Amino acid sequence: MTMHVLQLGPYPPPVGGVSRNMLAIRDEVMRQAHSCSIVATTKSTEIIDEPNVYHPASPLDLIKQIRALKFDVLHLHVGGEISGRVIWLAFICSIIGNGKCVLTVHSGAYPQTEKAKAAHPNSIRGMIFRRFSRLIGVNDAIAGVFRSYGVPDDRIRVILPYSLEEPDPSTTIPAELKGFCDKHSPVLLAVGGLEKDYDPLFQIATMNEILADFPNAGLMIVGDGSMRKEIREAIDASGYADRICLAGNVEHAVTLHLINDSDALLRTTLFDGDAISVREALHLGTPVVATDNGMRPEGVELIESGDRNGLAAAVKKVVSKGKNGALKQENGNENIAAVVELYKELL
C-alpha cells in the first residue's frame, strides 16, 4: 500500500532545523516508494519551481491548497513561538486532516514559555492539540506539555528531529568564504541568523577577548535577518572588521563543509531548542560552544548567556584540544524512520 504524505512547515531558503527535518522525512518517504508534497507555511526568501512543493500567497490560499491535495496523512511542523496564528493553523489542519493528522512541535524551548507553563486540558490549545491523531515532541519536556493539555499518552511520541549526513565532496565552497577561512586561524563559525534570538552582537563583542588569545582568529556568521544593518554597523565600529565575515544565507551543502572545516561552532543564543547545527558539528567532530539551555547534547562546552569571558575561555579550551577532543554524534537516521513508521501506524 502506497501513501501520500502532506507536510506543512517552513521551506528553504533560508535553511533551518525544521525545514531540514521536513526534507529528511520527504527523502525517506520517497525512498520507501511513497509520495510526499510540501506546502510552505512561511515565506521563502527565494521561490524555486519544484514538483509537489507549493507556496501559497495568503492564509486563504494555504487552506485552499491543502484542501485541493489528496493526501493520506497530514503532518504540520511548527517551531519558534507557538503564536495565536500558529494555533489557528493547527486547528484548520486538524479539521482537514480528518483523523490522519500529525503535529510536531520543534521548539525545544516551548516548555519554558508562559503559555506552556499554564497548560490545562480545558484550554483552547488543549482542545486543539487533542484533535491531532499523533503529536511529536522533540524532547521529553514538550511531551510533558502535551500531557498537561490533556493529550493521552498513546498519542504522544518523543522523536529527535535530526538526521545527519557527511559533506558532499562535489560541493564547492564560494571563493570569498573559502578565502576568509584560509586567511584566519582558528575559524569560529556561527550558524543561525542575524536575529535577536541568536545573539550575534554578543559574538561580535566577544571577539575582542578571543583575539587577545588568538590574534589571527576569524568569526563567520551564516544566516541573514532583520538585524543586518545594525550588525554591519557594529562590525565596522569594532576595530576588527576584517576578522568577521557575514556569509548571509548559504546552501546547506556548503554550510556542512564550513562546519566540517571550522575549528569550533558557536551557538550562543537567547532562545533555542535542539539546534540541528550543533548536532551536525558534533557528528563531524567539530567542537561546539553553546549557551546552556538545559537540552544540549553530550559533548557541548556550555556557557551562561551573555558571559563574554566565559565564551572566550570556552573557545580557548576547545580550540586547544583540537578536533580530536570532540565527542562525535551518531547520524540519527533512525529518527526519520520512526516518523515514517508513525504514518504507517495511522493508516
Protein backbone atom coordinates (compact mmCIF):
# COMPACT_ATOMS: atom_id res chain seq x y z
CA MET A 1 0.00 0.00 0.00
CA THR A 2 1.44 3.34 -1.04
CA MET A 3 0.67 6.56 0.78
CA HIS A 4 0.77 10.28 0.06
CA VAL A 5 2.15 12.39 2.92
CA LEU A 6 1.45 16.12 3.02
CA GLN A 7 3.85 18.15 5.15
CA LEU A 8 3.29 21.76 6.15
CA GLY A 9 6.05 23.99 7.51
CA PRO A 10 8.83 26.41 6.52
CA TYR A 11 10.50 25.69 3.20
CA PRO A 12 14.04 26.88 2.38
CA PRO A 13 15.65 29.19 1.72
CA PRO A 14 16.62 30.02 4.39
CA VAL A 15 17.55 26.60 5.70
CA GLY A 16 16.60 25.87 9.30
CA GLY A 17 16.27 22.90 11.61
CA VAL A 18 12.54 22.46 10.95
CA SER A 19 12.93 22.53 7.17
CA ARG A 20 15.89 20.12 7.35
CA ASN A 21 13.69 17.69 9.28
CA MET A 22 10.91 18.01 6.71
CA LEU A 23 13.26 17.39 3.80
CA ALA A 24 14.76 14.35 5.51
CA ILE A 25 11.26 12.95 6.06
CA ARG A 26 10.40 13.59 2.42
CA ASP A 27 13.54 11.75 1.31
CA GLU A 28 12.71 8.74 3.49
CA VAL A 29 9.06 8.66 2.38
CA MET A 30 10.13 8.67 -1.27
CA ARG A 31 12.90 6.15 -0.64
CA GLN A 32 10.18 3.78 0.53
CA ALA A 33 8.31 4.35 -2.77
CA HIS A 34 5.61 6.59 -1.31
CA SER A 35 4.87 10.20 -2.33
CA CYS A 36 5.23 13.45 -0.43
CA SER A 37 4.05 17.01 -1.00
CA ILE A 38 5.05 20.12 0.94
CA VAL A 39 3.05 23.30 1.49
CA ALA A 40 5.15 26.20 2.78
CA THR A 41 3.63 27.97 5.80
CA THR A 42 6.17 30.82 5.81
CA LYS A 43 7.56 32.95 3.00
CA SER A 44 10.73 31.57 1.44
CA THR A 45 13.38 34.13 0.54
CA GLU A 46 13.50 32.60 -2.93
CA ILE A 47 10.77 30.56 -4.59
CA ILE A 48 12.06 27.85 -6.89
CA ASP A 49 9.64 25.92 -9.06
CA GLU A 50 9.78 22.35 -7.77
CA PRO A 51 7.37 19.44 -8.20
CA ASN A 52 4.98 18.87 -5.28
CA VAL A 53 6.13 21.98 -3.41
CA TYR A 54 3.57 24.75 -3.00
CA HIS A 55 3.95 28.37 -1.86
CA PRO A 56 0.52 29.86 -1.02
CA ALA A 57 0.28 33.63 -1.31
CA SER A 58 -2.08 34.09 1.64
CA PRO A 59 -3.69 32.19 4.54
CA LEU A 60 -6.81 31.63 2.41
CA ASP A 61 -4.68 30.27 -0.44
CA LEU A 62 -2.96 27.96 2.05
CA ILE A 63 -6.28 26.46 3.13
CA LYS A 64 -7.40 26.08 -0.49
CA GLN A 65 -4.11 24.37 -1.36
CA ILE A 66 -4.39 21.88 1.50
CA ARG A 67 -7.96 21.02 0.54
CA ALA A 68 -7.00 20.58 -3.12
CA LEU A 69 -4.37 17.92 -2.39
CA LYS A 70 -5.42 14.31 -1.93
CA PHE A 71 -3.31 13.02 0.94
CA ASP A 72 -3.36 10.07 3.32
CA VAL A 73 -1.52 11.75 6.22
CA LEU A 74 -1.17 15.45 7.02
CA HIS A 75 1.88 16.48 9.09
CA LEU A 76 2.15 20.02 10.45
CA HIS A 77 5.58 21.20 11.69
CA VAL A 78 5.82 24.25 13.96
CA GLY A 79 8.82 25.87 15.60
CA GLY A 80 9.74 29.06 17.39
CA GLU A 81 6.92 30.87 19.14
CA ILE A 82 3.61 28.98 19.18
CA SER A 83 1.56 32.10 18.48
CA GLY A 84 -2.17 32.54 18.04
CA ARG A 85 -1.68 32.38 14.27
CA VAL A 86 0.11 29.03 14.60
CA ILE A 87 -2.65 27.65 16.84
CA TRP A 88 -5.27 28.78 14.30
CA LEU A 89 -3.36 26.96 11.55
CA ALA A 90 -3.15 23.85 13.74
CA PHE A 91 -6.92 23.94 14.25
CA ILE A 92 -7.55 24.18 10.49
CA CYS A 93 -5.13 21.31 9.82
CA SER A 94 -6.80 19.14 12.45
CA ILE A 95 -10.13 19.61 10.68
CA ILE A 96 -8.87 18.99 7.14
CA GLY A 97 -6.64 16.12 8.36
CA ASN A 98 -9.79 14.19 9.23
CA GLY A 99 -8.31 11.81 11.77
CA LYS A 100 -4.98 11.27 9.97
CA CYS A 101 -3.05 14.32 11.16
CA VAL A 102 0.27 14.70 12.96
CA LEU A 103 1.72 17.72 14.74
CA THR A 104 5.42 18.15 15.55
CA VAL A 105 6.45 20.93 17.94
CA HIS A 106 10.12 21.59 17.19
CA SER A 107 10.68 24.48 19.58
CA GLY A 108 12.73 22.89 22.34
CA ALA A 109 12.28 25.99 24.48
CA TYR A 110 8.47 25.91 24.21
CA PRO A 111 8.02 24.33 27.69
CA GLN A 112 9.69 27.42 29.21
CA THR A 113 7.06 29.81 27.80
CA GLU A 114 4.23 31.21 29.91
CA LYS A 115 1.58 29.55 27.71
CA ALA A 116 3.17 26.13 28.19
CA LYS A 117 3.60 26.62 31.94
CA ALA A 118 -0.12 27.43 32.17
CA ALA A 119 -1.15 24.40 30.08
CA HIS A 120 -4.55 22.99 31.07
CA PRO A 121 -6.88 20.42 29.46
CA ASN A 122 -9.80 22.86 29.40
CA SER A 123 -7.90 25.49 27.40
CA ILE A 124 -8.41 26.20 23.69
CA ARG A 125 -4.89 24.96 22.98
CA GLY A 126 -5.61 21.74 24.83
CA MET A 127 -8.74 21.21 22.76
CA ILE A 128 -6.84 21.80 19.52
CA PHE A 129 -3.85 19.60 20.44
CA ARG A 130 -6.21 16.74 21.32
CA ARG A 131 -7.71 16.88 17.84
CA PHE A 132 -4.45 15.54 16.35
CA SER A 133 -4.05 11.80 15.80
CA ARG A 134 -0.42 11.91 16.97
CA LEU A 135 1.77 14.60 18.49
CA ILE A 136 5.56 14.55 18.25
CA GLY A 137 7.75 16.44 20.69
CA VAL A 138 11.48 16.77 20.06
CA ASN A 139 12.18 16.30 23.78
CA ASP A 140 10.55 14.90 26.92
CA ALA A 141 9.65 18.37 28.21
CA ILE A 142 7.43 19.05 25.18
CA ALA A 143 5.77 15.66 25.67
CA GLY A 144 5.07 16.74 29.24
CA VAL A 145 3.34 19.89 27.99
CA PHE A 146 1.14 17.77 25.72
CA ARG A 147 0.12 15.71 28.76
CA SER A 148 -0.68 18.88 30.69
CA TYR A 149 -3.01 19.82 27.84
CA GLY A 150 -4.81 16.50 28.31
CA VAL A 151 -3.36 14.58 25.35
CA PRO A 152 -3.41 10.82 26.08
CA ASP A 153 -0.01 9.10 26.29
CA ASP A 154 -0.81 6.74 23.41
CA ARG A 155 -0.94 9.72 21.02
CA ILE A 156 2.38 11.24 22.12
CA ARG A 157 5.78 10.39 20.67
CA VAL A 158 9.22 11.79 21.51
CA ILE A 159 11.33 11.71 18.35
CA LEU A 160 14.54 13.70 17.95
CA PRO A 161 14.34 15.94 14.87
CA TYR A 162 17.66 15.34 13.19
CA SER A 163 19.18 13.14 10.53
CA LEU A 164 22.81 13.89 9.80
CA GLU A 165 24.94 13.49 6.69
CA GLU A 166 28.50 13.84 5.53
CA PRO A 167 29.58 16.83 3.40
CA ASP A 168 29.19 16.22 -0.33
CA PRO A 169 32.70 16.16 -1.84
CA SER A 170 31.36 17.58 -5.11
CA THR A 171 30.17 20.79 -3.40
CA THR A 172 32.32 23.88 -3.96
CA ILE A 173 32.69 26.49 -1.22
CA PRO A 174 32.29 30.03 -2.64
CA ALA A 175 35.67 31.69 -3.16
CA GLU A 176 35.04 34.60 -0.76
CA LEU A 177 34.09 32.25 2.08
CA LYS A 178 36.99 29.90 1.41
CA GLY A 179 39.36 32.86 1.23
CA PHE A 180 38.23 34.10 4.64
CA CYS A 181 38.73 30.66 6.19
CA ASP A 182 42.16 30.25 4.62
CA LYS A 183 43.26 33.63 5.97
CA HIS A 184 42.25 33.04 9.61
CA SER A 185 43.03 30.55 12.34
CA PRO A 186 41.15 29.47 14.33
CA VAL A 187 37.95 29.85 12.34
CA LEU A 188 34.85 30.17 14.52
CA LEU A 189 31.52 29.53 12.81
CA ALA A 190 28.06 30.62 13.97
CA VAL A 191 25.07 29.15 12.13
CA GLY A 192 21.76 30.77 12.89
CA GLY A 193 20.84 34.18 11.64
CA LEU A 194 21.01 37.90 12.19
CA GLU A 195 18.14 37.91 14.67
CA LYS A 196 17.96 38.74 18.38
CA ASP A 197 17.46 35.12 19.48
CA TYR A 198 20.86 34.15 18.01
CA ASP A 199 22.64 36.98 19.89
CA PRO A 200 25.08 37.93 17.07
CA LEU A 201 26.07 41.21 18.76
CA PHE A 202 27.35 39.20 21.74
CA GLN A 203 29.51 37.06 19.45
CA ILE A 204 30.91 40.13 17.71
CA ALA A 205 31.69 41.90 21.01
CA THR A 206 33.40 38.80 22.44
CA MET A 207 35.81 38.68 19.50
CA ASN A 208 37.72 41.40 21.37
CA GLU A 209 38.59 38.88 24.12
CA ILE A 210 39.08 36.00 21.69
CA LEU A 211 41.58 37.98 19.61
CA ALA A 212 43.65 38.56 22.75
CA ASP A 213 44.26 34.79 22.85
CA PHE A 214 44.20 34.16 19.10
CA PRO A 215 45.30 37.27 17.17
CA ASN A 216 44.54 35.67 13.79
CA ALA A 217 41.08 34.31 14.69
CA GLY A 218 38.12 34.82 12.38
CA LEU A 219 34.37 34.67 13.00
CA MET A 220 31.98 33.71 10.20
CA ILE A 221 28.24 34.10 10.73
CA VAL A 222 25.98 32.07 8.44
CA GLY A 223 22.40 33.27 8.05
CA ASP A 224 20.64 36.57 7.42
CA GLY A 225 17.94 38.52 9.19
CA SER A 226 16.38 41.77 10.29
CA MET A 227 19.44 42.94 12.28
CA ARG A 228 21.82 43.00 9.29
CA LYS A 229 22.20 46.81 9.22
CA GLU A 230 22.73 47.06 12.99
CA ILE A 231 25.23 44.21 12.94
CA ARG A 232 27.11 45.63 9.97
CA GLU A 233 27.47 48.92 11.85
CA ALA A 234 28.71 47.10 14.98
CA ILE A 235 31.31 45.22 12.94
CA ASP A 236 32.52 48.40 11.23
CA ALA A 237 32.90 50.12 14.63
CA SER A 238 34.62 47.17 16.30
CA GLY A 239 38.16 47.82 15.14
CA TYR A 240 38.48 44.26 13.82
CA ALA A 241 36.01 44.25 10.93
CA ASP A 242 38.42 42.23 8.80
CA ARG A 243 38.13 39.34 11.28
CA ILE A 244 34.34 38.94 10.87
CA CYS A 245 32.53 37.63 7.81
CA LEU A 246 28.77 37.90 7.31
CA ALA A 247 28.19 34.98 4.97
CA GLY A 248 24.44 35.53 4.58
CA ASN A 249 22.15 32.67 3.64
CA VAL A 250 24.26 29.72 2.48
CA GLU A 251 23.16 26.47 0.87
CA HIS A 252 23.05 23.61 3.37
CA ALA A 253 25.59 21.59 1.35
CA VAL A 254 28.07 24.48 1.68
CA THR A 255 27.23 25.00 5.36
CA LEU A 256 28.15 21.37 6.10
CA HIS A 257 31.60 21.94 4.60
CA LEU A 258 32.03 25.15 6.63
CA ILE A 259 31.08 23.29 9.82
CA ASN A 260 33.45 20.47 8.94
CA ASP A 261 36.35 22.83 8.18
CA SER A 262 35.92 25.25 11.08
CA ASP A 263 37.77 24.94 14.38
CA ALA A 264 34.67 25.46 16.54
CA LEU A 265 30.94 26.09 16.15
CA LEU A 266 29.37 28.82 18.30
CA ARG A 267 25.71 28.53 19.29
CA THR A 268 25.23 31.38 21.74
CA THR A 269 21.51 32.09 21.86
CA LEU A 270 18.84 33.78 23.95
CA PHE A 271 16.09 31.33 22.92
CA ASP A 272 16.92 27.97 21.43
CA GLY A 273 15.96 24.32 21.25
CA ASP A 274 17.72 21.25 19.88
CA ALA A 275 19.73 23.05 17.21
CA ILE A 276 20.49 20.95 14.13
CA SER A 277 23.79 22.83 13.58
CA VAL A 278 25.00 21.63 16.99
CA ARG A 279 24.19 18.02 16.10
CA GLU A 280 25.85 18.39 12.70
CA ALA A 281 29.03 19.81 14.22
CA LEU A 282 29.29 17.00 16.77
CA HIS A 283 28.64 14.44 14.04
CA LEU A 284 31.54 15.87 12.02
CA GLY A 285 33.85 16.09 15.04
CA THR A 286 33.84 19.90 15.27
CA PRO A 287 33.87 21.23 18.87
CA VAL A 288 30.80 23.21 19.95
CA VAL A 289 30.49 26.08 22.42
CA ALA A 290 26.86 26.85 23.23
CA THR A 291 24.65 28.67 25.70
CA ASP A 292 23.32 26.28 28.33
CA ASN A 293 19.60 25.93 27.55
CA GLY A 294 19.13 22.72 29.54
CA MET A 295 18.92 20.47 26.49
CA ARG A 296 22.30 20.49 24.76
CA PRO A 297 23.63 17.05 23.75
CA GLU A 298 26.61 15.50 25.46
CA GLY A 299 29.95 16.86 24.32
CA VAL A 300 29.00 20.56 24.08
CA GLU A 301 31.08 23.12 26.00
CA LEU A 302 28.45 25.14 27.88
CA ILE A 303 28.47 28.82 28.85
CA GLU A 304 25.98 31.15 30.52
CA SER A 305 24.07 33.66 28.42
CA GLY A 306 25.92 36.96 27.93
CA ASP A 307 29.17 35.78 29.57
CA ARG A 308 31.89 37.20 27.31
CA ASN A 309 34.77 35.95 29.46
CA GLY A 310 33.11 32.55 29.63
CA LEU A 311 32.77 32.37 25.84
CA ALA A 312 36.39 33.42 25.29
CA ALA A 313 37.62 30.84 27.82
CA ALA A 314 35.46 28.10 26.28
CA VAL A 315 36.76 28.89 22.79
CA LYS A 316 40.33 28.75 24.08
CA LYS A 317 39.63 25.39 25.74
CA VAL A 318 38.05 23.63 22.74
CA VAL A 319 40.46 25.10 20.18
CA SER A 320 43.43 23.99 22.30
CA LYS A 321 42.04 20.44 22.43
CA GLY A 322 41.50 20.38 18.67
CA LYS A 323 39.06 18.25 16.74
CA ASN A 324 40.31 15.02 18.25
CA GLY A 325 38.84 16.17 21.55
CA ALA A 326 35.28 16.44 20.22
CA LEU A 327 32.66 13.81 21.10
CA LYS A 328 31.12 12.55 17.87
CA GLN A 329 27.35 12.33 17.37
CA GLU A 330 25.53 9.41 15.70
CA ASN A 331 23.76 10.18 12.42
CA GLY A 332 20.22 9.85 13.79
CA ASN A 333 18.70 8.24 10.69
CA GLU A 334 16.50 6.13 12.96
CA ASN A 335 14.65 9.30 13.98
CA ILE A 336 13.35 9.88 10.46
CA ALA A 337 12.46 6.23 10.00
CA ALA A 338 10.41 6.43 13.23
CA VAL A 339 8.30 9.26 11.79
CA VAL A 340 7.50 7.28 8.63
CA GLU A 341 6.58 4.24 10.76
CA LEU A 342 4.20 6.51 12.68
CA TYR A 343 2.47 7.41 9.40
CA LYS A 344 2.01 3.72 8.63
CA GLU A 345 0.63 3.18 12.12
CA LEU A 346 -2.10 5.73 11.43
CA LEU A 347 -3.06 4.00 8.18
